Amino acid sequence: MMNSFATKYIAAPAVFMWAATTFHAANAAESVQATVNGMVCAFCAQGIEKRLEKLPATKAVFVDLKRKVVAVEAKEGQKLDGKAISFEITEAGYDVVKLETVPKSVAQIKGDMKASKP
């Protein structure tokens, strides 16, 4: 019998393909950036932030509701687990449509987004 996690990702194979990736934090700041559908309010953002901040490798989290972006930065010497990040966001009730590694800190991502207002 499959657990709910396996069932969820087998039912959505496009999500499973990239969700199993582990992201490494090298010497330079590195973050995982997710595009997330379903976030509509500050309560949504806060719920996602709280869940992701509890992951052991998380240093910082940033959520931009307008751009539907969630960014997670790893603690120095730690690695981020894309599967765990996707799982936490999905379990909070949102859809992860894209997940990528970016060579920036959460502060840099936040600054870039403020500089280029939508």
PDB file of N, CA and C in Angstrom:
ATOM      1  N   MET A   1       0.842  -1.179   0.000  1.00  0.00           N
ATOM      2  CA  MET A   1       0.000   0.000   0.000  1.00  0.00           C
ATOM      3  C   MET A   1       0.884   1.238   0.000  1.00  0.00           C
ATOM      4  N   MET A   2       0.556   2.222  -0.829  1.00  0.00           N
ATOM      5  CA  MET A   2       1.354   3.443  -0.916  1.00  0.00           C
ATOM      6  C   MET A   2       0.895   4.455   0.109  1.00  0.00           C
ATOM      7  N   ASN A   3       1.856   5.234   0.645  1.00  0.00           N
ATOM      8  CA  ASN A   3       1.456   6.305   1.546  1.00  0.00           C
ATOM      9  C   ASN A   3       0.936   7.480   0.734  1.00  0.00           C
ATOM     10  N   SER A   4       0.357   8.462   1.409  1.00  0.00           N
ATOM     11  CA  SER A   4      -0.260   9.582   0.693  1.00  0.00           C
ATOM     12  C   SER A   4       0.772  10.388  -0.085  1.00  0.00           C
ATOM     13  N   PHE A   5       2.009  10.461   0.406  1.00  0.00           N
ATOM     14  CA  PHE A   5       3.059  11.197  -0.303  1.00  0.00           C
ATOM     15  C   PHE A   5       3.339  10.549  -1.659  1.00  0.00           C
ATOM     16  N   ALA A   6       3.526   9.229  -1.664  1.00  0.00           N
ATOM     17  CA  ALA A   6       3.804   8.525  -2.917  1.00  0.00           C
ATOM     18  C   ALA A   6       2.619   8.620  -3.858  1.00  0.00           C
ATOM     19  N   THR A   7       1.433   8.481  -3.337  1.00  0.00           N
ATOM     20  CA  THR A   7       0.240   8.562  -4.168  1.00  0.00           C
ATOM     21  C   THR A   7       0.117   9.928  -4.812  1.00  0.00           C
ATOM     22  N   LYS A   8       0.382  10.976  -4.048  1.00  0.00           N
ATOM     23  CA  LYS A   8       0.270  12.340  -4.561  1.00  0.00           C
ATOM     24  C   LYS A   8       1.242  12.559  -5.718  1.00  0.00           C
ATOM     25  N   TYR A   9       2.473  12.088  -5.588  1.00  0.00           N
ATOM     26  CA  TYR A   9       3.452  12.334  -6.623  1.00  0.00           C
ATOM     27  C   TYR A   9       3.321  11.384  -7.810  1.00  0.00           C
ATOM     28  N   ILE A  10       2.770  10.216  -7.604  1.00  0.00           N
ATOM     29  CA  ILE A  10       2.511   9.329  -8.731  1.00  0.00           C
ATOM     30  C   ILE A  10       1.343   9.882  -9.539  1.00  0.00           C
ATOM     31  N   ALA A  11       0.369  10.475  -8.853  1.00  0.00           N
ATOM     32  CA  ALA A  11      -0.781  11.063  -9.535  1.00  0.00           C
ATOM     33  C   ALA A  11      -0.391  12.299 -10.328  1.00  0.00           C
ATOM     34  N   ALA A  12       0.707  12.943  -9.950  1.00  0.00           N
ATOM     35  CA  ALA A  12       1.164  14.142 -10.646  1.00  0.00           C
ATOM     36  C   ALA A  12       2.612  13.935 -11.088  1.00  0.00           C
ATOM     37  N   PRO A  13       2.846  13.136 -12.139  1.00  0.00           N
ATOM     38  CA  PRO A  13       4.203  12.766 -12.528  1.00  0.00           C
ATOM     39  C   PRO A  13       5.094  13.950 -12.887  1.00  0.00           C
ATOM     40  N   ALA A  14       4.556  15.036 -13.411  1.00  0.00           N
ATOM     41  CA  ALA A  14       5.387  16.189 -13.757  1.00  0.00           C
ATOM     42  C   ALA A  14       6.017  16.774 -12.501  1.00  0.00           C
ATOM     43  N   VAL A  15       5.298  16.746 -11.394  1.00  0.00           N
ATOM     44  CA  VAL A  15       5.819  17.252 -10.130  1.00  0.00           C
ATOM     45  C   VAL A  15       6.907  16.318  -9.623  1.00  0.00           C
ATOM     46  N   PHE A  16       6.679  15.019  -9.715  1.00  0.00           N
ATOM     47  CA  PHE A  16       7.617  14.045  -9.178  1.00  0.00           C
ATOM     48  C   PHE A  16       8.977  14.107  -9.876  1.00  0.00           C
ATOM     49  N   MET A  17       8.992  14.388 -11.173  1.00  0.00           N
ATOM     50  CA  MET A  17      10.240  14.377 -11.924  1.00  0.00           C
ATOM     51  C   MET A  17      11.260  15.334 -11.340  1.00  0.00           C
ATOM     52  N   TRP A  18      10.868  16.540 -10.993  1.00  0.00           N
ATOM     53  CA  TRP A  18      11.844  17.487 -10.476  1.00  0.00           C
ATOM     54  C   TRP A  18      11.857  17.548  -8.970  1.00  0.00           C
ATOM     55  N   ALA A  19      10.846  17.009  -8.305  1.00  0.00           N
ATOM     56  CA  ALA A  19      10.755  17.100  -6.853  1.00  0.00           C
ATOM     57  C   ALA A  19      11.809  16.255  -6.154  1.00  0.00           C
ATOM     58  N   ALA A  20      12.341  15.250  -6.818  1.00  0.00           N
ATOM     59  CA  ALA A  20      13.300  14.360  -6.179  1.00  0.00           C
ATOM     60  C   ALA A  20      14.722  14.923  -6.195  1.00  0.00           C
ATOM     61  N   THR A  21      14.904  16.121  -6.674  1.00  0.00           N
ATOM     62  CA  THR A  21      16.221  16.719  -6.778  1.00  0.00           C
ATOM     63  C   THR A  21      16.662  17.306  -5.449  1.00  0.00           C
ATOM     64  N   THR A  22      17.931  17.141  -5.111  1.00  0.00           N
ATOM     65  CA  THR A  22      18.508  17.769  -3.935  1.00  0.00           C
ATOM     66  C   THR A  22      19.377  18.917  -4.411  1.00  0.00           C
ATOM     67  N   PHE A  23      19.233  20.055  -3.755  1.00  0.00           N
ATOM     68  CA  PHE A  23      19.969  21.248  -4.136  1.00  0.00           C
ATOM     69  C   PHE A  23      21.070  21.496  -3.125  1.00  0.00           C
ATOM     70  N   HIS A  24      22.269  21.806  -3.590  1.00  0.00           N
ATOM     71  CA  HIS A  24      23.418  21.982  -2.717  1.00  0.00           C
ATOM     72  C   HIS A  24      23.769  23.453  -2.561  1.00  0.00           C
ATOM     73  N   ALA A  25      24.075  23.845  -1.336  1.00  0.00           N
ATOM     74  CA  ALA A  25      24.543  25.204  -1.084  1.00  0.00           C
ATOM     75  C   ALA A  25      26.066  25.180  -1.133  1.00  0.00           C
ATOM     76  N   ALA A  26      26.631  25.850  -2.093  1.00  0.00           N
ATOM     77  CA  ALA A  26      28.085  25.892  -2.243  1.00  0.00           C
ATOM     78  C   ALA A  26      28.631  27.078  -1.453  1.00  0.00           C
ATOM     79  N   ASN A  27      29.848  27.510  -1.773  1.00  0.00           N
ATOM     80  CA  ASN A  27      30.454  28.630  -1.078  1.00  0.00           C
ATOM     81  C   ASN A  27      29.622  29.892  -1.234  1.00  0.00           C
ATOM     82  N   ALA A  28      29.170  30.177  -2.432  1.00  0.00           N
ATOM     83  CA  ALA A  28      28.317  31.334  -2.664  1.00  0.00           C
ATOM     84  C   ALA A  28      26.893  30.989  -2.215  1.00  0.00           C
ATOM     85  N   ALA A  29      26.121  32.031  -1.935  1.00  0.00           N
ATOM     86  CA  ALA A  29      24.738  31.797  -1.523  1.00  0.00           C
ATOM     87  C   ALA A  29      23.980  31.120  -2.656  1.00  0.00           C
ATOM     88  N   GLU A  30      23.164  30.173  -2.289  1.00  0.00           N
ATOM     89  CA  GLU A  30      22.365  29.454  -3.265  1.00  0.00           C
ATOM     90  C   GLU A  30      20.994  29.205  -2.652  1.00  0.00           C
ATOM     91  N   SER A  31      19.974  29.402  -3.456  1.00  0.00           N
ATOM     92  CA  SER A  31      18.613  29.240  -2.973  1.00  0.00           C
ATOM     93  C   SER A  31      17.807  28.379  -3.935  1.00  0.00           C
ATOM     94  N   VAL A  32      16.726  27.846  -3.426  1.00  0.00           N
ATOM     95  CA  VAL A  32      15.752  27.162  -4.252  1.00  0.00           C
ATOM     96  C   VAL A  32      14.590  28.123  -4.412  1.00  0.00           C
ATOM     97  N   GLN A  33      14.194  28.341  -5.655  1.00  0.00           N
ATOM     98  CA  GLN A  33      13.098  29.250  -5.956  1.00  0.00           C
ATOM     99  C   GLN A  33      11.963  28.449  -6.583  1.00  0.00           C
ATOM    100  N   ALA A  34      10.778  28.597  -6.017  1.00  0.00           N
ATOM    101  CA  ALA A  34       9.604  27.863  -6.503  1.00  0.00           C
ATOM    102  C   ALA A  34       8.546  28.832  -7.004  1.00  0.00           C
ATOM    103  N   THR A  35       7.887  28.465  -8.085  1.00  0.00           N
ATOM    104  CA  THR A  35       6.706  29.178  -8.548  1.00  0.00           C
ATOM    105  C   THR A  35       5.521  28.399  -8.004  1.00  0.00           C
ATOM    106  N   VAL A  36       4.643  29.102  -7.288  1.00  0.00           N
ATOM    107  CA  VAL A  36       3.573  28.447  -6.544  1.00  0.00           C
ATOM    108  C   VAL A  36       2.225  29.069  -6.887  1.00  0.00           C
ATOM    109  N   ASN A  37       1.282  28.245  -7.278  1.00  0.00           N
ATOM    110  CA  ASN A  37      -0.082  28.708  -7.548  1.00  0.00           C
ATOM    111  C   ASN A  37      -0.948  28.519  -6.316  1.00  0.00           C
ATOM    112  N   GLY A  38      -1.901  29.432  -6.133  1.00  0.00           N
ATOM    113  CA  GLY A  38      -2.865  29.303  -5.056  1.00  0.00           C
ATOM    114  C   GLY A  38      -2.669  30.264  -3.908  1.00  0.00           C
ATOM    115  N   MET A  39      -1.529  30.939  -3.848  1.00  0.00           N
ATOM    116  CA  MET A  39      -1.289  31.913  -2.778  1.00  0.00           C
ATOM    117  C   MET A  39      -2.018  33.210  -3.123  1.00  0.00           C
ATOM    118  N   VAL A  40      -2.874  33.684  -2.211  1.00  0.00           N
ATOM    119  CA  VAL A  40      -3.635  34.885  -2.510  1.00  0.00           C
ATOM    120  C   VAL A  40      -3.582  35.944  -1.402  1.00  0.00           C
ATOM    121  N   CYS A  41      -3.047  35.603  -0.241  1.00  0.00           N
ATOM    122  CA  CYS A  41      -3.069  36.564   0.865  1.00  0.00           C
ATOM    123  C   CYS A  41      -1.842  36.407   1.761  1.00  0.00           C
ATOM    124  N   ALA A  42      -1.700  37.347   2.685  1.00  0.00           N
ATOM    125  CA  ALA A  42      -0.574  37.316   3.613  1.00  0.00           C
ATOM    126  C   ALA A  42      -0.623  36.071   4.505  1.00  0.00           C
ATOM    127  N   PHE A  43      -1.818  35.607   4.823  1.00  0.00           N
ATOM    128  CA  PHE A  43      -1.960  34.388   5.623  1.00  0.00           C
ATOM    129  C   PHE A  43      -1.372  33.190   4.887  1.00  0.00           C
ATOM    130  N   CYS A  44      -1.589  33.144   3.567  1.00  0.00           N
ATOM    131  CA  CYS A  44      -1.010  32.072   2.736  1.00  0.00           C
ATOM    132  C   CYS A  44       0.516  32.109   2.830  1.00  0.00           C
ATOM    133  N   ALA A  45       1.066  33.297   2.636  1.00  0.00           N
ATOM    134  CA  ALA A  45       2.519  33.474   2.662  1.00  0.00           C
ATOM    135  C   ALA A  45       3.090  33.082   4.018  1.00  0.00           C
ATOM    136  N   GLN A  46       2.439  33.509   5.085  1.00  0.00           N
ATOM    137  CA  GLN A  46       2.911  33.210   6.433  1.00  0.00           C
ATOM    138  C   GLN A  46       2.901  31.708   6.711  1.00  0.00           C
ATOM    139  N   GLY A  47       1.863  31.032   6.261  1.00  0.00           N
ATOM    140  CA  GLY A  47       1.780  29.586   6.470  1.00  0.00           C
ATOM    141  C   GLY A  47       2.905  28.839   5.772  1.00  0.00           C
ATOM    142  N   ILE A  48       3.204  29.241   4.538  1.00  0.00           N
ATOM    143  CA  ILE A  48       4.294  28.619   3.793  1.00  0.00           C
ATOM    144  C   ILE A  48       5.634  28.919   4.462  1.00  0.00           C
ATOM    145  N   GLU A  49       5.848  30.173   4.842  1.00  0.00           N
ATOM    146  CA  GLU A  49       7.097  30.557   5.510  1.00  0.00           C
ATOM    147  C   GLU A  49       7.327  29.728   6.764  1.00  0.00           C
ATOM    148  N   LYS A  50       6.321  29.592   7.595  1.00  0.00           N
ATOM    149  CA  LYS A  50       6.461  28.840   8.847  1.00  0.00           C
ATOM    150  C   LYS A  50       6.829  27.380   8.585  1.00  0.00           C
ATOM    151  N   ARG A  51       6.193  26.777   7.598  1.00  0.00           N
ATOM    152  CA  ARG A  51       6.492  25.370   7.285  1.00  0.00           C
ATOM    153  C   ARG A  51       7.924  25.206   6.795  1.00  0.00           C
ATOM    154  N   LEU A  52       8.358  26.094   5.901  1.00  0.00           N
ATOM    155  CA  LEU A  52       9.698  25.970   5.314  1.00  0.00           C
ATOM    156  C   LEU A  52      10.799  26.352   6.294  1.00  0.00           C
ATOM    157  N   GLU A  53      10.517  27.266   7.204  1.00  0.00           N
ATOM    158  CA  GLU A  53      11.514  27.652   8.210  1.00  0.00           C
ATOM    159  C   GLU A  53      11.824  26.502   9.158  1.00  0.00           C
ATOM    160  N   LYS A  54      10.930  25.545   9.281  1.00  0.00           N
ATOM    161  CA  LYS A  54      11.133  24.397  10.170  1.00  0.00           C
ATOM    162  C   LYS A  54      12.059  23.339   9.563  1.00  0.00           C
ATOM    163  N   LEU A  55      12.301  23.403   8.264  1.00  0.00           N
ATOM    164  CA  LEU A  55      13.215  22.435   7.648  1.00  0.00           C
ATOM    165  C   LEU A  55      14.620  22.686   8.188  1.00  0.00           C
ATOM    166  N   PRO A  56      15.354  21.639   8.529  1.00  0.00           N
ATOM    167  CA  PRO A  56      16.653  21.794   9.189  1.00  0.00           C
ATOM    168  C   PRO A  56      17.702  22.593   8.407  1.00  0.00           C
ATOM    169  N   ALA A  57      17.679  22.556   7.090  1.00  0.00           N
ATOM    170  CA  ALA A  57      18.705  23.241   6.293  1.00  0.00           C
ATOM    171  C   ALA A  57      18.325  24.676   5.938  1.00  0.00           C
ATOM    172  N   THR A  58      17.152  25.137   6.333  1.00  0.00           N
ATOM    173  CA  THR A  58      16.675  26.458   5.932  1.00  0.00           C
ATOM    174  C   THR A  58      17.319  27.571   6.742  1.00  0.00           C
ATOM    175  N   LYS A  59      17.874  28.536   6.016  1.00  0.00           N
ATOM    176  CA  LYS A  59      18.424  29.745   6.631  1.00  0.00           C
ATOM    177  C   LYS A  59      17.405  30.879   6.550  1.00  0.00           C
ATOM    178  N   ALA A  60      16.786  31.059   5.378  1.00  0.00           N
ATOM    179  CA  ALA A  60      15.845  32.150   5.176  1.00  0.00           C
ATOM    180  C   ALA A  60      14.790  31.750   4.155  1.00  0.00           C
ATOM    181  N   VAL A  61      13.606  32.371   4.283  1.00  0.00           N
ATOM    182  CA  VAL A  61      12.497  32.134   3.364  1.00  0.00           C
ATOM    183  C   VAL A  61      11.917  33.479   2.960  1.00  0.00           C
ATOM    184  N   PHE A  62      11.549  33.600   1.687  1.00  0.00           N
ATOM    185  CA  PHE A  62      10.902  34.804   1.170  1.00  0.00           C
ATOM    186  C   PHE A  62       9.744  34.389   0.282  1.00  0.00           C
ATOM    187  N   VAL A  63       8.591  35.040   0.460  1.00  0.00           N
ATOM    188  CA  VAL A  63       7.414  34.762  -0.360  1.00  0.00           C
ATOM    189  C   VAL A  63       6.952  36.061  -0.999  1.00  0.00           C
ATOM    190  N   ASP A  64       6.783  36.057  -2.317  1.00  0.00           N
ATOM    191  CA  ASP A  64       6.253  37.194  -3.057  1.00  0.00           C
ATOM    192  C   ASP A  64       4.915  36.768  -3.649  1.00  0.00           C
ATOM    193  N   LEU A  65       3.836  37.275  -3.071  1.00  0.00           N
ATOM    194  CA  LEU A  65       2.491  36.882  -3.504  1.00  0.00           C
ATOM    195  C   LEU A  65       2.192  37.301  -4.934  1.00  0.00           C
ATOM    196  N   LYS A  66       2.576  38.525  -5.303  1.00  0.00           N
ATOM    197  CA  LYS A  66       2.261  39.031  -6.645  1.00  0.00           C
ATOM    198  C   LYS A  66       2.920  38.195  -7.736  1.00  0.00           C
ATOM    199  N   ARG A  67       4.145  37.787  -7.514  1.00  0.00           N
ATOM    200  CA  ARG A  67       4.876  37.009  -8.517  1.00  0.00           C
ATOM    201  C   ARG A  67       4.721  35.506  -8.326  1.00  0.00           C
ATOM    202  N   LYS A  68       4.050  35.107  -7.258  1.00  0.00           N
ATOM    203  CA  LYS A  68       3.829  33.686  -6.947  1.00  0.00           C
ATOM    204  C   LYS A  68       5.153  32.945  -6.743  1.00  0.00           C
ATOM    205  N   VAL A  69       6.088  33.594  -6.042  1.00  0.00           N
ATOM    206  CA  VAL A  69       7.427  33.039  -5.852  1.00  0.00           C
ATOM    207  C   VAL A  69       7.692  32.755  -4.376  1.00  0.00           C
ATOM    208  N   VAL A  70       8.292  31.599  -4.126  1.00  0.00           N
ATOM    209  CA  VAL A  70       8.781  31.239  -2.800  1.00  0.00           C
ATOM    210  C   VAL A  70      10.265  30.930  -2.964  1.00  0.00           C
ATOM    211  N   ALA A  71      11.104  31.586  -2.156  1.00  0.00           N
ATOM    212  CA  ALA A  71      12.548  31.343  -2.211  1.00  0.00           C
ATOM    213  C   ALA A  71      13.019  30.840  -0.846  1.00  0.00           C
ATOM    214  N   VAL A  72      13.875  29.818  -0.875  1.00  0.00           N
ATOM    215  CA  VAL A  72      14.414  29.229   0.345  1.00  0.00           C
ATOM    216  C   VAL A  72      15.927  29.184   0.213  1.00  0.00           C
ATOM    217  N   GLU A  73      16.615  29.742   1.208  1.00  0.00           N
ATOM    218  CA  GLU A  73      18.084  29.746   1.203  1.00  0.00           C
ATOM    219  C   GLU A  73      18.588  28.741   2.228  1.00  0.00           C
ATOM    220  N   ALA A  74      19.650  28.030   1.871  1.00  0.00           N
ATOM    221  CA  ALA A  74      20.229  27.028   2.763  1.00  0.00           C
ATOM    222  C   ALA A  74      21.209  27.655   3.746  1.00  0.00           C
ATOM    223  N   LYS A  75      21.294  27.035   4.916  1.00  0.00           N
ATOM    224  CA  LYS A  75      22.318  27.420   5.885  1.00  0.00           C
ATOM    225  C   LYS A  75      23.669  27.051   5.282  1.00  0.00           C
ATOM    226  N   GLU A  76      24.701  27.753   5.699  1.00  0.00           N
ATOM    227  CA  GLU A  76      26.038  27.475   5.184  1.00  0.00           C
ATOM    228  C   GLU A  76      26.420  26.026   5.472  1.00  0.00           C
ATOM    229  N   GLY A  77      26.913  25.343   4.433  1.00  0.00           N
ATOM    230  CA  GLY A  77      27.322  23.952   4.570  1.00  0.00           C
ATOM    231  C   GLY A  77      26.169  22.951   4.542  1.00  0.00           C
ATOM    232  N   GLN A  78      24.953  23.427   4.382  1.00  0.00           N
ATOM    233  CA  GLN A  78      23.781  22.559   4.340  1.00  0.00           C
ATOM    234  C   GLN A  78      23.284  22.440   2.901  1.00  0.00           C
ATOM    235  N   LYS A  79      22.432  21.473   2.654  1.00  0.00           N
ATOM    236  CA  LYS A  79      21.827  21.349   1.339  1.00  0.00           C
ATOM    237  C   LYS A  79      20.313  21.350   1.479  1.00  0.00           C
ATOM    238  N   LEU A  80      19.652  21.923   0.501  1.00  0.00           N
ATOM    239  CA  LEU A  80      18.193  21.977   0.475  1.00  0.00           C
ATOM    240  C   LEU A  80      17.658  20.784  -0.295  1.00  0.00           C
ATOM    241  N   ASP A  81      16.605  20.205   0.209  1.00  0.00           N
ATOM    242  CA  ASP A  81      15.962  19.060  -0.426  1.00  0.00           C
ATOM    243  C   ASP A  81      14.728  19.555  -1.171  1.00  0.00           C
ATOM    244  N   GLY A  82      14.804  19.574  -2.499  1.00  0.00           N
ATOM    245  CA  GLY A  82      13.686  20.040  -3.317  1.00  0.00           C
ATOM    246  C   GLY A  82      12.425  19.243  -3.073  1.00  0.00           C
ATOM    247  N   LYS A  83      12.575  17.956  -2.820  1.00  0.00           N
ATOM    248  CA  LYS A  83      11.430  17.091  -2.550  1.00  0.00           C
ATOM    249  C   LYS A  83      10.723  17.541  -1.265  1.00  0.00           C
ATOM    250  N   ALA A  84      11.490  17.846  -0.244  1.00  0.00           N
ATOM    251  CA  ALA A  84      10.910  18.278   1.037  1.00  0.00           C
ATOM    252  C   ALA A  84      10.256  19.654   0.905  1.00  0.00           C
ATOM    253  N   ILE A  85      10.875  20.554   0.160  1.00  0.00           N
ATOM    254  CA  ILE A  85      10.304  21.882  -0.056  1.00  0.00           C
ATOM    255  C   ILE A  85       8.975  21.760  -0.795  1.00  0.00           C
ATOM    256  N   SER A  86       8.969  21.001  -1.867  1.00  0.00           N
ATOM    257  CA  SER A  86       7.733  20.785  -2.632  1.00  0.00           C
ATOM    258  C   SER A  86       6.653  20.146  -1.775  1.00  0.00           C
ATOM    259  N   PHE A  87       7.037  19.171  -0.980  1.00  0.00           N
ATOM    260  CA  PHE A  87       6.085  18.484  -0.118  1.00  0.00           C
ATOM    261  C   PHE A  87       5.445  19.453   0.872  1.00  0.00           C
ATOM    262  N   GLU A  88       6.252  20.280   1.525  1.00  0.00           N
ATOM    263  CA  GLU A  88       5.724  21.227   2.513  1.00  0.00           C
ATOM    264  C   GLU A  88       4.755  22.223   1.877  1.00  0.00           C
ATOM    265  N   ILE A  89       5.101  22.730   0.719  1.00  0.00           N
ATOM    266  CA  ILE A  89       4.223  23.686   0.029  1.00  0.00           C
ATOM    267  C   ILE A  89       2.929  23.006  -0.396  1.00  0.00           C
ATOM    268  N   THR A  90       3.030  21.807  -0.930  1.00  0.00           N
ATOM    269  CA  THR A  90       1.853  21.055  -1.368  1.00  0.00           C
ATOM    270  C   THR A  90       0.966  20.693  -0.184  1.00  0.00           C
ATOM    271  N   GLU A  91       1.565  20.263   0.907  1.00  0.00           N
ATOM    272  CA  GLU A  91       0.792  19.912   2.097  1.00  0.00           C
ATOM    273  C   GLU A  91       0.091  21.132   2.696  1.00  0.00           C
ATOM    274  N   ALA A  92       0.639  22.323   2.465  1.00  0.00           N
ATOM    275  CA  ALA A  92       0.004  23.555   2.937  1.00  0.00           C
ATOM    276  C   ALA A  92      -1.195  23.919   2.060  1.00  0.00           C
ATOM    277  N   GLY A  93      -1.346  23.226   0.923  1.00  0.00           N
ATOM    278  CA  GLY A  93      -2.509  23.430   0.074  1.00  0.00           C
ATOM    279  C   GLY A  93      -2.260  24.188  -1.215  1.00  0.00           C
ATOM    280  N   TYR A  94      -1.009  24.286  -1.632  1.00  0.00           N
ATOM    281  CA  TYR A  94      -0.665  25.056  -2.826  1.00  0.00           C
ATOM    282  C   TYR A  94       0.000  24.166  -3.861  1.00  0.00           C
ATOM    283  N   ASP A  95       0.029  24.624  -5.108  1.00  0.00           N
ATOM    284  CA  ASP A  95       0.606  23.857  -6.211  1.00  0.00           C
ATOM    285  C   ASP A  95       1.965  24.422  -6.603  1.00  0.00           C
ATOM    286  N   VAL A  96       2.979  23.582  -6.581  1.00  0.00           N
ATOM    287  CA  VAL A  96       4.311  23.971  -7.048  1.00  0.00           C
ATOM    288  C   VAL A  96       4.361  23.659  -8.537  1.00  0.00           C
ATOM    289  N   VAL A  97       4.571  24.697  -9.365  1.00  0.00           N
ATOM    290  CA  VAL A  97       4.600  24.481 -10.807  1.00  0.00           C
ATOM    291  C   VAL A  97       6.011  24.537 -11.380  1.00  0.00           C
ATOM    292  N   LYS A  98       6.960  25.070 -10.617  1.00  0.00           N
ATOM    293  CA  LYS A  98       8.343  25.135 -11.080  1.00  0.00           C
ATOM    294  C   LYS A  98       9.254  25.220  -9.862  1.00  0.00           C
ATOM    295  N   LEU A  99      10.406  24.567  -9.945  1.00  0.00           N
ATOM    296  CA  LEU A  99      11.388  24.582  -8.872  1.00  0.00           C
ATOM    297  C   LEU A  99      12.762  24.664  -9.509  1.00  0.00           C
ATOM    298  N   GLU A 100      13.569  25.631  -9.078  1.00  0.00           N
ATOM    299  CA  GLU A 100      14.900  25.784  -9.657  1.00  0.00           C
ATOM    300  C   GLU A 100      15.894  26.286  -8.619  1.00  0.00           C
ATOM    301  N   THR A 101      17.158  26.024  -8.868  1.00  0.00           N
ATOM    302  CA  THR A 101      18.229  26.537  -8.035  1.00  0.00           C
ATOM    303  C   THR A 101      18.707  27.844  -8.627  1.00  0.00           C
ATOM    304  N   VAL A 102      18.899  28.847  -7.774  1.00  0.00           N
ATOM    305  CA  VAL A 102      19.413  30.132  -8.232  1.00  0.00           C
ATOM    306  C   VAL A 102      20.638  30.488  -7.396  1.00  0.00           C
ATOM    307  N   PRO A 103      21.672  31.047  -8.025  1.00  0.00           N
ATOM    308  CA  PRO A 103      22.906  31.366  -7.308  1.00  0.00           C
ATOM    309  C   PRO A 103      22.824  32.700  -6.573  1.00  0.00           C
ATOM    310  N   LYS A 104      21.798  32.857  -5.742  1.00  0.00           N
ATOM    311  CA  LYS A 104      21.573  34.102  -5.008  1.00  0.00           C
ATOM    312  C   LYS A 104      21.078  33.776  -3.608  1.00  0.00           C
ATOM    313  N   SER A 105      21.274  34.724  -2.703  1.00  0.00           N
ATOM    314  CA  SER A 105      20.698  34.595  -1.375  1.00  0.00           C
ATOM    315  C   SER A 105      19.243  35.050  -1.438  1.00  0.00           C
ATOM    316  N   VAL A 106      18.493  34.761  -0.403  1.00  0.00           N
ATOM    317  CA  VAL A 106      17.104  35.224  -0.333  1.00  0.00           C
ATOM    318  C   VAL A 106      17.074  36.756  -0.337  1.00  0.00           C
ATOM    319  N   ALA A 107      18.023  37.385   0.347  1.00  0.00           N
ATOM    320  CA  ALA A 107      18.090  38.855   0.369  1.00  0.00           C
ATOM    321  C   ALA A 107      18.297  39.416  -1.039  1.00  0.00           C
ATOM    322  N   GLN A 108      19.148  38.771  -1.835  1.00  0.00           N
ATOM    323  CA  GLN A 108      19.372  39.217  -3.213  1.00  0.00           C
ATOM    324  C   GLN A 108      18.115  39.026  -4.067  1.00  0.00           C
ATOM    325  N   ILE A 109      17.441  37.914  -3.900  1.00  0.00           N
ATOM    326  CA  ILE A 109      16.206  37.658  -4.652  1.00  0.00           C
ATOM    327  C   ILE A 109      15.169  38.708  -4.297  1.00  0.00           C
ATOM    328  N   LYS A 110      15.013  38.963  -3.018  1.00  0.00           N
ATOM    329  CA  LYS A 110      14.054  39.961  -2.543  1.00  0.00           C
ATOM    330  C   LYS A 110      14.395  41.338  -3.110  1.00  0.00           C
ATOM    331  N   GLY A 111      15.673  41.715  -3.093  1.00  0.00           N
ATOM    332  CA  GLY A 111      16.116  42.999  -3.640  1.00  0.00           C
ATOM    333  C   GLY A 111      15.841  43.109  -5.130  1.00  0.00           C
ATOM    334  N   ASP A 112      16.123  42.040  -5.868  1.00  0.00           N
ATOM    335  CA  ASP A 112      15.867  42.032  -7.307  1.00  0.00           C
ATOM    336  C   ASP A 112      14.382  42.230  -7.604  1.00  0.00           C
ATOM    337  N   MET A 113      13.535  41.585  -6.826  1.00  0.00           N
ATOM    338  CA  MET A 113      12.100  41.680  -7.053  1.00  0.00           C
ATOM    339  C   MET A 113      11.569  43.076  -6.711  1.00  0.00           C
ATOM    340  N   LYS A 114      12.122  43.696  -5.681  1.00  0.00           N
ATOM    341  CA  LYS A 114      11.707  45.058  -5.331  1.00  0.00           C
ATOM    342  C   LYS A 114      12.153  46.048  -6.389  1.00  0.00           C
ATOM    343  N   ALA A 115      13.340  45.808  -6.959  1.00  0.00           N
ATOM    344  CA  ALA A 115      13.888  46.704  -7.976  1.00  0.00           C
ATOM    345  C   ALA A 115      13.100  46.629  -9.285  1.00  0.00           C
ATOM    346  N   SER A 116      12.550  45.460  -9.590  1.00  0.00           N
ATOM    347  CA  SER A 116      11.789  45.276 -10.832  1.00  0.00           C
ATOM    348  C   SER A 116      10.316  45.054 -10.522  1.00  0.00           C
ATOM    349  N   LYS A 117       9.659  46.090 -10.059  1.00  0.00           N
ATOM    350  CA  LYS A 117       8.243  45.982  -9.685  1.00  0.00           C
ATOM    351  C   LYS A 117       7.417  45.516 -10.867  1.00  0.00           C
ATOM    352  N   PRO A 118       6.443  44.615 -10.591  1.00  0.00           N
ATOM    353  CA  PRO A 118       5.625  44.063 -11.676  1.00  0.00           C
ATOM    354  C   PRO A 118       4.694  45.082 -12.293  1.00  0.00           C
TER     355      PRO A 118
END
